Amino acid sequence: QAMEELEAARSQQAGQLQEMGRREHLLRSDVQRAREQLESFKTRVMQVCSPSAAGSTGKSVTEQQVIEKVRQISDENQQSHEREKSLQKELSSRLTKEKEVSENIEVFKNSLQKLQ
């Protein structure tokens, strides 16, 4: 009876080991698929950010390259917003001056008409 119990335990352990091996294989497959998806994503990001930099060299794109490119685009975006604010202020100032000049011209026209 002890031998039967040992055999049953060994059989159960063998089944557990097979199941663990199957799970490990699935996990390895998932990790490989995730790596491929990450590489594809990095390449797409670089193609969008800098088409000439990605794909043409045949080299894989590093995370650092993607981070630097995204940071560069973010900085350029910030500079564009600051430039836009500056241009808005300048435009507002010019419109105010133009309005003042128009009002002064109207006053001058009225004065000139009164003089005639």
Protein backbone atom coordinates (compact mmCIF):
# COMPACT_ATOMS: atom_id res chain seq x y z
CA GLN A 1 0.00 0.00 0.00
CA ALA A 2 2.89 2.38 0.77
CA MET A 3 4.31 1.67 -2.68
CA GLU A 4 0.96 2.49 -4.27
CA GLU A 5 0.83 5.80 -2.34
CA LEU A 6 4.39 6.64 -3.40
CA GLU A 7 3.56 5.82 -6.99
CA ALA A 8 0.40 7.99 -6.83
CA ALA A 9 2.40 10.87 -5.29
CA ARG A 10 5.09 10.50 -7.95
CA SER A 11 2.48 10.45 -10.68
CA GLN A 12 0.83 13.55 -9.20
CA GLN A 13 4.19 15.36 -9.02
CA ALA A 14 4.94 14.41 -12.61
CA GLY A 15 1.60 15.88 -13.65
CA GLN A 16 2.34 19.07 -11.70
CA LEU A 17 5.77 19.32 -13.33
CA GLN A 18 4.21 18.93 -16.77
CA GLU A 19 1.67 21.64 -15.96
CA MET A 20 4.46 23.96 -14.71
CA GLY A 21 6.42 23.30 -17.90
CA ARG A 22 3.36 24.12 -19.99
CA ARG A 23 2.79 27.36 -18.06
CA GLU A 24 6.47 28.30 -18.40
CA HIS A 25 6.26 27.76 -22.16
CA LEU A 26 3.15 29.97 -22.35
CA LEU A 27 4.83 32.68 -20.28
CA ARG A 28 7.92 32.61 -22.50
CA SER A 29 5.68 32.94 -25.56
CA ASP A 30 3.86 35.88 -23.95
CA VAL A 31 7.16 37.60 -23.10
CA GLN A 32 8.44 37.13 -26.67
CA ARG A 33 5.19 38.50 -28.11
CA ALA A 34 5.40 41.51 -25.74
CA ARG A 35 9.00 42.17 -26.86
CA GLU A 36 7.96 42.07 -30.50
CA GLN A 37 5.05 44.43 -29.82
CA LEU A 38 7.34 46.84 -27.96
CA GLU A 39 9.85 46.86 -30.81
CA SER A 40 7.06 47.45 -33.31
CA PHE A 41 5.67 50.28 -31.17
CA LYS A 42 9.11 51.92 -30.81
CA THR A 43 9.64 51.73 -34.57
CA ARG A 44 6.21 53.25 -35.27
CA VAL A 45 6.84 56.06 -32.78
CA MET A 46 10.17 56.84 -34.44
CA GLN A 47 8.61 56.69 -37.91
CA VAL A 48 6.00 59.21 -36.83
CA CYS A 49 8.50 61.41 -34.99
CA SER A 50 11.32 61.20 -37.51
CA PRO A 51 10.61 59.14 -40.63
CA SER A 52 14.17 59.40 -41.89
CA ALA A 53 15.61 58.08 -38.59
CA ALA A 54 13.55 54.91 -38.31
CA GLY A 55 13.50 51.96 -40.59
CA SER A 56 16.03 53.27 -43.07
CA THR A 57 19.07 52.10 -41.13
CA GLY A 58 17.76 48.60 -40.53
CA LYS A 59 18.73 48.87 -36.85
CA SER A 60 16.27 48.45 -34.03
CA VAL A 61 15.20 51.54 -32.18
CA THR A 62 16.20 51.85 -28.52
CA GLU A 63 13.95 53.06 -25.73
CA GLN A 64 16.36 55.95 -25.17
CA GLN A 65 16.00 57.09 -28.79
CA VAL A 66 12.22 57.05 -28.47
CA ILE A 67 12.34 58.93 -25.16
CA GLU A 68 14.71 61.55 -26.59
CA LYS A 69 12.57 62.05 -29.68
CA VAL A 70 9.37 62.38 -27.64
CA ARG A 71 11.15 64.81 -25.30
CA GLN A 72 12.37 66.84 -28.31
CA ILE A 73 8.85 67.00 -29.74
CA SER A 74 7.49 68.02 -26.35
CA ASP A 75 10.08 70.81 -26.09
CA GLU A 76 9.27 72.00 -29.60
CA ASN A 77 5.58 71.96 -28.74
CA GLN A 78 6.24 74.06 -25.61
CA GLN A 79 8.29 76.54 -27.64
CA SER A 80 5.49 76.78 -30.19
CA HIS A 81 2.97 77.54 -27.45
CA GLU A 82 5.23 80.23 -26.01
CA ARG A 83 5.74 81.73 -29.48
CA GLU A 84 1.98 81.64 -30.05
CA LYS A 85 1.38 83.50 -26.76
CA SER A 86 3.98 86.08 -27.72
CA LEU A 87 2.42 86.58 -31.15
CA GLN A 88 -1.04 86.86 -29.56
CA LYS A 89 0.22 89.62 -27.26
CA GLU A 90 1.89 91.40 -30.17
CA LEU A 91 -1.25 91.13 -32.28
CA SER A 92 -3.39 92.43 -29.44
CA SER A 93 -1.04 95.36 -28.96
CA ARG A 94 -1.07 96.20 -32.66
CA LEU A 95 -4.85 95.98 -32.82
CA THR A 96 -5.11 98.37 -29.87
CA LYS A 97 -2.72 100.81 -31.57
CA GLU A 98 -4.62 100.49 -34.85
CA LYS A 99 -7.87 101.26 -33.05
CA GLU A 100 -6.31 104.33 -31.44
CA VAL A 101 -5.00 105.54 -34.81
CA SER A 102 -8.42 104.99 -36.40
CA GLU A 103 -10.09 106.96 -33.64
CA ASN A 104 -7.54 109.77 -34.02
CA ILE A 105 -8.11 109.83 -37.77
CA GLU A 106 -11.85 110.13 -37.19
CA VAL A 107 -11.28 113.01 -34.77
CA PHE A 108 -8.96 114.66 -37.29
CA LYS A 109 -11.50 114.21 -40.12
CA ASN A 110 -14.25 115.73 -37.99
CA SER A 111 -12.04 118.64 -37.04
CA LEU A 112 -11.03 119.17 -40.65
CA GLN A 113 -14.66 119.13 -41.79
CA LYS A 114 -15.55 121.69 -39.14
CA LEU A 115 -12.73 123.93 -40.28
CA GLN A 116 -13.92 123.78 -43.90
